[in-house]
Amino acid sequence: MKEMYESQDMINKAFNPDFISEYLLQSQWSEMIELEKIITELYKKKRKPLSILDIGVGDARIPKHLSGIKEIWGKIGKYIGIDHSKNA
């Protein structure tokens, strides 16, 4: 159980500038902006919610943050994340 809480704590700190460098923070926000563009474009083309397979989901930082943005998460019907690591 301790690993789960440490992992959740790491996720909570993922966008906290007190715990990561400014460059990493900018990189993560850029990643979210690009994902939003791609998801929105595909959603418009398909005209229905997307199914996403995230291979190498790691600590689930991306789906955790995407799920907190209603405008994006509403365009996703199914999000499946897989990873080989023990912590994931």
PDB file of N, CA and C in Angstrom:
ATOM      1  N   MET A   1       0.811  -1.192   0.000  1.00  0.00           N
ATOM      2  CA  MET A   1       0.000   0.000   0.000  1.00  0.00           C
ATOM      3  C   MET A   1       0.859   1.262   0.000  1.00  0.00           C
ATOM      4  N   LYS A   2       1.986   1.210   0.649  1.00  0.00           N
ATOM      5  CA  LYS A   2       2.829   2.395   0.730  1.00  0.00           C
ATOM      6  C   LYS A   2       3.239   2.882  -0.659  1.00  0.00           C
ATOM      7  N   GLU A   3       3.568   1.957  -1.581  1.00  0.00           N
ATOM      8  CA  GLU A   3       3.957   2.333  -2.937  1.00  0.00           C
ATOM      9  C   GLU A   3       2.844   3.106  -3.636  1.00  0.00           C
ATOM     10  N   MET A   4       1.599   2.688  -3.421  1.00  0.00           N
ATOM     11  CA  MET A   4       0.475   3.361  -4.061  1.00  0.00           C
ATOM     12  C   MET A   4       0.412   4.821  -3.620  1.00  0.00           C
ATOM     13  N   TYR A   5       0.560   5.081  -2.334  1.00  0.00           N
ATOM     14  CA  TYR A   5       0.491   6.449  -1.840  1.00  0.00           C
ATOM     15  C   TYR A   5       1.673   7.268  -2.332  1.00  0.00           C
ATOM     16  N   GLU A   6       2.851   6.675  -2.382  1.00  0.00           N
ATOM     17  CA  GLU A   6       4.003   7.388  -2.912  1.00  0.00           C
ATOM     18  C   GLU A   6       3.779   7.724  -4.379  1.00  0.00           C
ATOM     19  N   SER A   7       3.212   6.798  -5.133  1.00  0.00           N
ATOM     20  CA  SER A   7       2.938   7.028  -6.540  1.00  0.00           C
ATOM     21  C   SER A   7       1.893   8.124  -6.707  1.00  0.00           C
ATOM     22  N   GLN A   8       0.832   8.098  -5.911  1.00  0.00           N
ATOM     23  CA  GLN A   8      -0.210   9.127  -5.982  1.00  0.00           C
ATOM     24  C   GLN A   8       0.377  10.484  -5.621  1.00  0.00           C
ATOM     25  N   ASP A   9       1.255  10.505  -4.642  1.00  0.00           N
ATOM     26  CA  ASP A   9       1.911  11.755  -4.258  1.00  0.00           C
ATOM     27  C   ASP A   9       2.744  12.281  -5.414  1.00  0.00           C
ATOM     28  N   MET A  10       3.424  11.392  -6.113  1.00  0.00           N
ATOM     29  CA  MET A  10       4.221  11.802  -7.271  1.00  0.00           C
ATOM     30  C   MET A  10       3.332  12.378  -8.362  1.00  0.00           C
ATOM     31  N   ILE A  11       2.172  11.775  -8.586  1.00  0.00           N
ATOM     32  CA  ILE A  11       1.239  12.276  -9.586  1.00  0.00           C
ATOM     33  C   ILE A  11       0.754  13.662  -9.202  1.00  0.00           C
ATOM     34  N   ASN A  12       0.420  13.854  -7.943  1.00  0.00           N
ATOM     35  CA  ASN A  12      -0.063  15.155  -7.484  1.00  0.00           C
ATOM     36  C   ASN A  12       0.998  16.237  -7.660  1.00  0.00           C
ATOM     37  N   LYS A  13       2.262  15.863  -7.584  1.00  0.00           N
ATOM     38  CA  LYS A  13       3.347  16.828  -7.722  1.00  0.00           C
ATOM     39  C   LYS A  13       3.747  17.062  -9.183  1.00  0.00           C
ATOM     40  N   ALA A  14       3.149  16.319 -10.124  1.00  0.00           N
ATOM     41  CA  ALA A  14       3.581  16.348 -11.521  1.00  0.00           C
ATOM     42  C   ALA A  14       3.520  17.729 -12.156  1.00  0.00           C
ATOM     43  N   PHE A  15       2.566  18.556 -11.766  1.00  0.00           N
ATOM     44  CA  PHE A  15       2.459  19.902 -12.322  1.00  0.00           C
ATOM     45  C   PHE A  15       2.695  20.969 -11.260  1.00  0.00           C
ATOM     46  N   ASN A  16       3.289  20.594 -10.154  1.00  0.00           N
ATOM     47  CA  ASN A  16       3.552  21.540  -9.079  1.00  0.00           C
ATOM     48  C   ASN A  16       4.961  22.107  -9.238  1.00  0.00           C
ATOM     49  N   PRO A  17       5.088  23.417  -9.544  1.00  0.00           N
ATOM     50  CA  PRO A  17       6.406  23.998  -9.787  1.00  0.00           C
ATOM     51  C   PRO A  17       7.335  23.962  -8.568  1.00  0.00           C
ATOM     52  N   ASP A  18       6.803  23.682  -7.381  1.00  0.00           N
ATOM     53  CA  ASP A  18       7.652  23.566  -6.195  1.00  0.00           C
ATOM     54  C   ASP A  18       8.457  22.260  -6.201  1.00  0.00           C
ATOM     55  N   PHE A  19       8.061  21.298  -7.043  1.00  0.00           N
ATOM     56  CA  PHE A  19       8.700  19.989  -7.033  1.00  0.00           C
ATOM     57  C   PHE A  19       9.408  19.635  -8.329  1.00  0.00           C
ATOM     58  N   ILE A  20       9.164  20.391  -9.417  1.00  0.00           N
ATOM     59  CA  ILE A  20       9.812  20.081 -10.687  1.00  0.00           C
ATOM     60  C   ILE A  20      10.407  21.360 -11.272  1.00  0.00           C
ATOM     61  N   SER A  21      11.302  21.183 -12.209  1.00  0.00           N
ATOM     62  CA  SER A  21      11.957  22.346 -12.820  1.00  0.00           C
ATOM     63  C   SER A  21      10.981  23.082 -13.737  1.00  0.00           C
ATOM     64  N   GLU A  22      11.278  24.332 -13.986  1.00  0.00           N
ATOM     65  CA  GLU A  22      10.447  25.150 -14.883  1.00  0.00           C
ATOM     66  C   GLU A  22      10.407  24.539 -16.281  1.00  0.00           C
ATOM     67  N   TYR A  23      11.523  23.986 -16.737  1.00  0.00           N
ATOM     68  CA  TYR A  23      11.595  23.398 -18.075  1.00  0.00           C
ATOM     69  C   TYR A  23      10.708  22.161 -18.190  1.00  0.00           C
ATOM     70  N   LEU A  24      10.720  21.329 -17.174  1.00  0.00           N
ATOM     71  CA  LEU A  24       9.866  20.148 -17.186  1.00  0.00           C
ATOM     72  C   LEU A  24       8.399  20.553 -17.120  1.00  0.00           C
ATOM     73  N   LEU A  25       8.089  21.539 -16.317  1.00  0.00           N
ATOM     74  CA  LEU A  25       6.718  22.037 -16.224  1.00  0.00           C
ATOM     75  C   LEU A  25       6.243  22.540 -17.583  1.00  0.00           C
ATOM     76  N   GLN A  26       7.059  23.334 -18.265  1.00  0.00           N
ATOM     77  CA  GLN A  26       6.696  23.834 -19.588  1.00  0.00           C
ATOM     78  C   GLN A  26       6.519  22.690 -20.575  1.00  0.00           C
ATOM     79  N   SER A  27       7.374  21.705 -20.495  1.00  0.00           N
ATOM     80  CA  SER A  27       7.285  20.546 -21.380  1.00  0.00           C
ATOM     81  C   SER A  27       5.984  19.780 -21.161  1.00  0.00           C
ATOM     82  N   GLN A  28       5.605  19.591 -19.900  1.00  0.00           N
ATOM     83  CA  GLN A  28       4.382  18.859 -19.600  1.00  0.00           C
ATOM     84  C   GLN A  28       3.153  19.620 -20.079  1.00  0.00           C
ATOM     85  N   TRP A  29       3.129  20.936 -19.903  1.00  0.00           N
ATOM     86  CA  TRP A  29       1.992  21.722 -20.384  1.00  0.00           C
ATOM     87  C   TRP A  29       1.933  21.706 -21.900  1.00  0.00           C
ATOM     88  N   SER A  30       3.075  21.758 -22.567  1.00  0.00           N
ATOM     89  CA  SER A  30       3.107  21.675 -24.031  1.00  0.00           C
ATOM     90  C   SER A  30       2.541  20.338 -24.497  1.00  0.00           C
ATOM     91  N   GLU A  31       2.900  19.286 -23.790  1.00  0.00           N
ATOM     92  CA  GLU A  31       2.400  17.953 -24.106  1.00  0.00           C
ATOM     93  C   GLU A  31       0.868  17.914 -23.991  1.00  0.00           C
ATOM     94  N   MET A  32       0.317  18.512 -22.941  1.00  0.00           N
ATOM     95  CA  MET A  32      -1.142  18.516 -22.757  1.00  0.00           C
ATOM     96  C   MET A  32      -1.826  19.340 -23.847  1.00  0.00           C
ATOM     97  N   ILE A  33      -1.233  20.449 -24.244  1.00  0.00           N
ATOM     98  CA  ILE A  33      -1.811  21.283 -25.308  1.00  0.00           C
ATOM     99  C   ILE A  33      -1.842  20.512 -26.620  1.00  0.00           C
ATOM    100  N   GLU A  34      -0.761  19.820 -26.942  1.00  0.00           N
ATOM    101  CA  GLU A  34      -0.720  19.037 -28.181  1.00  0.00           C
ATOM    102  C   GLU A  34      -1.709  17.874 -28.132  1.00  0.00           C
ATOM    103  N   LEU A  35      -1.807  17.211 -26.992  1.00  0.00           N
ATOM    104  CA  LEU A  35      -2.785  16.126 -26.860  1.00  0.00           C
ATOM    105  C   LEU A  35      -4.204  16.651 -27.040  1.00  0.00           C
ATOM    106  N   GLU A  36      -4.498  17.811 -26.477  1.00  0.00           N
ATOM    107  CA  GLU A  36      -5.824  18.400 -26.637  1.00  0.00           C
ATOM    108  C   GLU A  36      -6.117  18.672 -28.111  1.00  0.00           C
ATOM    109  N   LYS A  37      -5.140  19.201 -28.846  1.00  0.00           N
ATOM    110  CA  LYS A  37      -5.317  19.460 -30.280  1.00  0.00           C
ATOM    111  C   LYS A  37      -5.609  18.173 -31.043  1.00  0.00           C
ATOM    112  N   ILE A  38      -4.822  17.142 -30.776  1.00  0.00           N
ATOM    113  CA  ILE A  38      -4.975  15.867 -31.485  1.00  0.00           C
ATOM    114  C   ILE A  38      -6.312  15.229 -31.156  1.00  0.00           C
ATOM    115  N   ILE A  39      -6.662  15.182 -29.885  1.00  0.00           N
ATOM    116  CA  ILE A  39      -7.929  14.576 -29.472  1.00  0.00           C
ATOM    117  C   ILE A  39      -9.101  15.329 -30.083  1.00  0.00           C
ATOM    118  N   THR A  40      -9.058  16.657 -30.072  1.00  0.00           N
ATOM    119  CA  THR A  40     -10.139  17.465 -30.638  1.00  0.00           C
ATOM    120  C   THR A  40     -10.263  17.237 -32.138  1.00  0.00           C
ATOM    121  N   GLU A  41      -9.143  17.207 -32.844  1.00  0.00           N
ATOM    122  CA  GLU A  41      -9.165  16.987 -34.297  1.00  0.00           C
ATOM    123  C   GLU A  41      -9.743  15.614 -34.636  1.00  0.00           C
ATOM    124  N   LEU A  42      -9.285  14.578 -33.948  1.00  0.00           N
ATOM    125  CA  LEU A  42      -9.792  13.225 -34.208  1.00  0.00           C
ATOM    126  C   LEU A  42     -11.272  13.101 -33.849  1.00  0.00           C
ATOM    127  N   TYR A  43     -11.671  13.732 -32.767  1.00  0.00           N
ATOM    128  CA  TYR A  43     -13.069  13.712 -32.336  1.00  0.00           C
ATOM    129  C   TYR A  43     -13.958  14.352 -33.406  1.00  0.00           C
ATOM    130  N   LYS A  44     -13.522  15.457 -33.969  1.00  0.00           N
ATOM    131  CA  LYS A  44     -14.295  16.131 -35.022  1.00  0.00           C
ATOM    132  C   LYS A  44     -14.401  15.268 -36.269  1.00  0.00           C
ATOM    133  N   LYS A  45     -13.317  14.574 -36.616  1.00  0.00           N
ATOM    134  CA  LYS A  45     -13.327  13.710 -37.795  1.00  0.00           C
ATOM    135  C   LYS A  45     -14.221  12.488 -37.600  1.00  0.00           C
ATOM    136  N   LYS A  46     -14.127  11.862 -36.435  1.00  0.00           N
ATOM    137  CA  LYS A  46     -14.895  10.642 -36.170  1.00  0.00           C
ATOM    138  C   LYS A  46     -16.338  10.936 -35.788  1.00  0.00           C
ATOM    139  N   ARG A  47     -16.567  12.108 -35.196  1.00  0.00           N
ATOM    140  CA  ARG A  47     -17.900  12.518 -34.728  1.00  0.00           C
ATOM    141  C   ARG A  47     -18.462  11.584 -33.652  1.00  0.00           C
ATOM    142  N   LYS A  48     -17.549  11.030 -32.882  1.00  0.00           N
ATOM    143  CA  LYS A  48     -17.941  10.207 -31.734  1.00  0.00           C
ATOM    144  C   LYS A  48     -16.758  10.113 -30.781  1.00  0.00           C
ATOM    145  N   PRO A  49     -17.004   9.744 -29.519  1.00  0.00           N
ATOM    146  CA  PRO A  49     -15.918   9.639 -28.543  1.00  0.00           C
ATOM    147  C   PRO A  49     -14.827   8.662 -28.991  1.00  0.00           C
ATOM    148  N   LEU A  50     -13.605   8.980 -28.631  1.00  0.00           N
ATOM    149  CA  LEU A  50     -12.449   8.199 -29.034  1.00  0.00           C
ATOM    150  C   LEU A  50     -12.163   7.063 -28.067  1.00  0.00           C
ATOM    151  N   SER A  51     -11.525   6.026 -28.592  1.00  0.00           N
ATOM    152  CA  SER A  51     -10.948   4.957 -27.770  1.00  0.00           C
ATOM    153  C   SER A  51      -9.442   5.124 -27.843  1.00  0.00           C
ATOM    154  N   ILE A  52      -8.803   5.198 -26.681  1.00  0.00           N
ATOM    155  CA  ILE A  52      -7.362   5.431 -26.628  1.00  0.00           C
ATOM    156  C   ILE A  52      -6.691   4.269 -25.906  1.00  0.00           C
ATOM    157  N   LEU A  53      -5.622   3.747 -26.514  1.00  0.00           N
ATOM    158  CA  LEU A  53      -4.778   2.744 -25.884  1.00  0.00           C
ATOM    159  C   LEU A  53      -3.434   3.407 -25.606  1.00  0.00           C
ATOM    160  N   ASP A  54      -3.101   3.541 -24.342  1.00  0.00           N
ATOM    161  CA  ASP A  54      -1.857   4.182 -23.915  1.00  0.00           C
ATOM    162  C   ASP A  54      -0.885   3.091 -23.496  1.00  0.00           C
ATOM    163  N   ILE A  55       0.071   2.798 -24.361  1.00  0.00           N
ATOM    164  CA  ILE A  55       1.064   1.761 -24.070  1.00  0.00           C
ATOM    165  C   ILE A  55       2.245   2.423 -23.368  1.00  0.00           C
ATOM    166  N   GLY A  56       2.542   1.964 -22.174  1.00  0.00           N
ATOM    167  CA  GLY A  56       3.590   2.573 -21.358  1.00  0.00           C
ATOM    168  C   GLY A  56       3.032   3.727 -20.536  1.00  0.00           C
ATOM    169  N   VAL A  57       1.862   3.498 -19.947  1.00  0.00           N
ATOM    170  CA  VAL A  57       1.143   4.551 -19.215  1.00  0.00           C
ATOM    171  C   VAL A  57       1.893   5.024 -17.969  1.00  0.00           C
ATOM    172  N   GLY A  58       2.801   4.215 -17.470  1.00  0.00           N
ATOM    173  CA  GLY A  58       3.606   4.616 -16.307  1.00  0.00           C
ATOM    174  C   GLY A  58       2.758   4.909 -15.091  1.00  0.00           C
ATOM    175  N   ASP A  59       2.920   6.095 -14.515  1.00  0.00           N
ATOM    176  CA  ASP A  59       2.190   6.443 -13.294  1.00  0.00           C
ATOM    177  C   ASP A  59       0.816   7.058 -13.580  1.00  0.00           C
ATOM    178  N   ALA A  60       0.382   7.001 -14.819  1.00  0.00           N
ATOM    179  CA  ALA A  60      -0.940   7.491 -15.258  1.00  0.00           C
ATOM    180  C   ALA A  60      -1.076   9.002 -15.149  1.00  0.00           C
ATOM    181  N   ARG A  61       0.041   9.708 -15.231  1.00  0.00           N
ATOM    182  CA  ARG A  61       0.004  11.165 -15.142  1.00  0.00           C
ATOM    183  C   ARG A  61      -0.869  11.763 -16.245  1.00  0.00           C
ATOM    184  N   ILE A  62      -0.720  11.265 -17.474  1.00  0.00           N
ATOM    185  CA  ILE A  62      -1.466  11.846 -18.593  1.00  0.00           C
ATOM    186  C   ILE A  62      -2.970  11.615 -18.457  1.00  0.00           C
ATOM    187  N   PRO A  63      -3.455  10.382 -18.286  1.00  0.00           N
ATOM    188  CA  PRO A  63      -4.912  10.238 -18.148  1.00  0.00           C
ATOM    189  C   PRO A  63      -5.472  10.925 -16.912  1.00  0.00           C
ATOM    190  N   LYS A  64      -4.674  11.000 -15.843  1.00  0.00           N
ATOM    191  CA  LYS A  64      -5.143  11.686 -14.640  1.00  0.00           C
ATOM    192  C   LYS A  64      -5.402  13.158 -14.945  1.00  0.00           C
ATOM    193  N   HIS A  65      -4.485  13.781 -15.638  1.00  0.00           N
ATOM    194  CA  HIS A  65      -4.662  15.198 -15.943  1.00  0.00           C
ATOM    195  C   HIS A  65      -5.703  15.415 -17.036  1.00  0.00           C
ATOM    196  N   LEU A  66      -5.746  14.538 -18.040  1.00  0.00           N
ATOM    197  CA  LEU A  66      -6.773  14.663 -19.075  1.00  0.00           C
ATOM    198  C   LEU A  66      -8.169  14.536 -18.473  1.00  0.00           C
ATOM    199  N   SER A  67      -8.324  13.630 -17.516  1.00  0.00           N
ATOM    200  CA  SER A  67      -9.649  13.418 -16.915  1.00  0.00           C
ATOM    201  C   SER A  67     -10.106  14.624 -16.110  1.00  0.00           C
ATOM    202  N   GLY A  68      -9.187  15.486 -15.744  1.00  0.00           N
ATOM    203  CA  GLY A  68      -9.539  16.693 -15.009  1.00  0.00           C
ATOM    204  C   GLY A  68      -9.929  17.856 -15.904  1.00  0.00           C
ATOM    205  N   ILE A  69      -9.852  17.654 -17.224  1.00  0.00           N
ATOM    206  CA  ILE A  69     -10.207  18.703 -18.183  1.00  0.00           C
ATOM    207  C   ILE A  69     -11.452  18.240 -18.935  1.00  0.00           C
ATOM    208  N   LYS A  70     -12.622  18.708 -18.508  1.00  0.00           N
ATOM    209  CA  LYS A  70     -13.895  18.225 -19.050  1.00  0.00           C
ATOM    210  C   LYS A  70     -13.985  18.341 -20.565  1.00  0.00           C
ATOM    211  N   GLU A  71     -13.438  19.429 -21.127  1.00  0.00           N
ATOM    212  CA  GLU A  71     -13.513  19.642 -22.570  1.00  0.00           C
ATOM    213  C   GLU A  71     -12.798  18.540 -23.349  1.00  0.00           C
ATOM    214  N   ILE A  72     -11.762  17.982 -22.758  1.00  0.00           N
ATOM    215  CA  ILE A  72     -11.023  16.899 -23.417  1.00  0.00           C
ATOM    216  C   ILE A  72     -11.622  15.547 -23.053  1.00  0.00           C
ATOM    217  N   TRP A  73     -11.837  15.318 -21.771  1.00  0.00           N
ATOM    218  CA  TRP A  73     -12.277  14.003 -21.301  1.00  0.00           C
ATOM    219  C   TRP A  73     -13.628  13.620 -21.892  1.00  0.00           C
ATOM    220  N   GLY A  74     -14.468  14.611 -22.169  1.00  0.00           N
ATOM    221  CA  GLY A  74     -15.774  14.335 -22.777  1.00  0.00           C
ATOM    222  C   GLY A  74     -15.668  13.803 -24.195  1.00  0.00           C
ATOM    223  N   LYS A  75     -14.511  13.945 -24.819  1.00  0.00           N
ATOM    224  CA  LYS A  75     -14.288  13.455 -26.180  1.00  0.00           C
ATOM    225  C   LYS A  75     -13.694  12.051 -26.187  1.00  0.00           C
ATOM    226  N   ILE A  76     -13.467  11.503 -25.014  1.00  0.00           N
ATOM    227  CA  ILE A  76     -12.863  10.172 -24.882  1.00  0.00           C
ATOM    228  C   ILE A  76     -13.900   9.211 -24.316  1.00  0.00           C
ATOM    229  N   GLY A  77     -14.191   8.172 -25.073  1.00  0.00           N
ATOM    230  CA  GLY A  77     -15.156   7.178 -24.624  1.00  0.00           C
ATOM    231  C   GLY A  77     -14.514   6.073 -23.796  1.00  0.00           C
ATOM    232  N   LYS A  78     -13.287   5.694 -24.196  1.00  0.00           N
ATOM    233  CA  LYS A  78     -12.585   4.616 -23.496  1.00  0.00           C
ATOM    234  C   LYS A  78     -11.093   4.937 -23.490  1.00  0.00           C
ATOM    235  N   TYR A  79     -10.483   4.830 -22.312  1.00  0.00           N
ATOM    236  CA  TYR A  79      -9.044   5.064 -22.174  1.00  0.00           C
ATOM    237  C   TYR A  79      -8.464   3.850 -21.465  1.00  0.00           C
ATOM    238  N   ILE A  80      -7.620   3.121 -22.176  1.00  0.00           N
ATOM    239  CA  ILE A  80      -6.984   1.935 -21.602  1.00  0.00           C
ATOM    240  C   ILE A  80      -5.485   2.201 -21.526  1.00  0.00           C
ATOM    241  N   GLY A  81      -4.920   2.036 -20.346  1.00  0.00           N
ATOM    242  CA  GLY A  81      -3.494   2.225 -20.158  1.00  0.00           C
ATOM    243  C   GLY A  81      -2.850   0.938 -19.679  1.00  0.00           C
ATOM    244  N   ILE A  82      -1.761   0.551 -20.337  1.00  0.00           N
ATOM    245  CA  ILE A  82      -1.021  -0.647 -19.919  1.00  0.00           C
ATOM    246  C   ILE A  82       0.449  -0.279 -19.727  1.00  0.00           C
ATOM    247  N   ASP A  83       1.088  -1.009 -18.851  1.00  0.00           N
ATOM    248  CA  ASP A  83       2.502  -0.779 -18.604  1.00  0.00           C
ATOM    249  C   ASP A  83       3.101  -2.051 -18.036  1.00  0.00           C
ATOM    250  N   HIS A  84       4.360  -2.259 -18.305  1.00  0.00           N
ATOM    251  CA  HIS A  84       5.049  -3.472 -17.856  1.00  0.00           C
ATOM    252  C   HIS A  84       5.632  -3.314 -16.445  1.00  0.00           C
ATOM    253  N   SER A  85       5.837  -2.079 -16.006  1.00  0.00           N
ATOM    254  CA  SER A  85       6.507  -1.885 -14.722  1.00  0.00           C
ATOM    255  C   SER A  85       5.637  -2.316 -13.554  1.00  0.00           C
ATOM    256  N   LYS A  86       6.278  -2.725 -12.483  1.00  0.00           N
ATOM    257  CA  LYS A  86       5.561  -3.193 -11.296  1.00  0.00           C
ATOM    258  C   LYS A  86       4.733  -2.070 -10.664  1.00  0.00           C
ATOM    259  N   ASN A  87       5.287  -0.854 -10.608  1.00  0.00           N
ATOM    260  CA  ASN A  87       4.571   0.264  -9.988  1.00  0.00           C
ATOM    261  C   ASN A  87       3.334   0.679 -10.760  1.00  0.00           C
ATOM    262  N   ALA A  88       3.342   0.488 -12.075  1.00  0.00           N
ATOM    263  CA  ALA A  88       2.171   0.878 -12.873  1.00  0.00           C
ATOM    264  C   ALA A  88       1.058  -0.110 -12.648  1.00  0.00           C
TER     265      ALA A  88
END
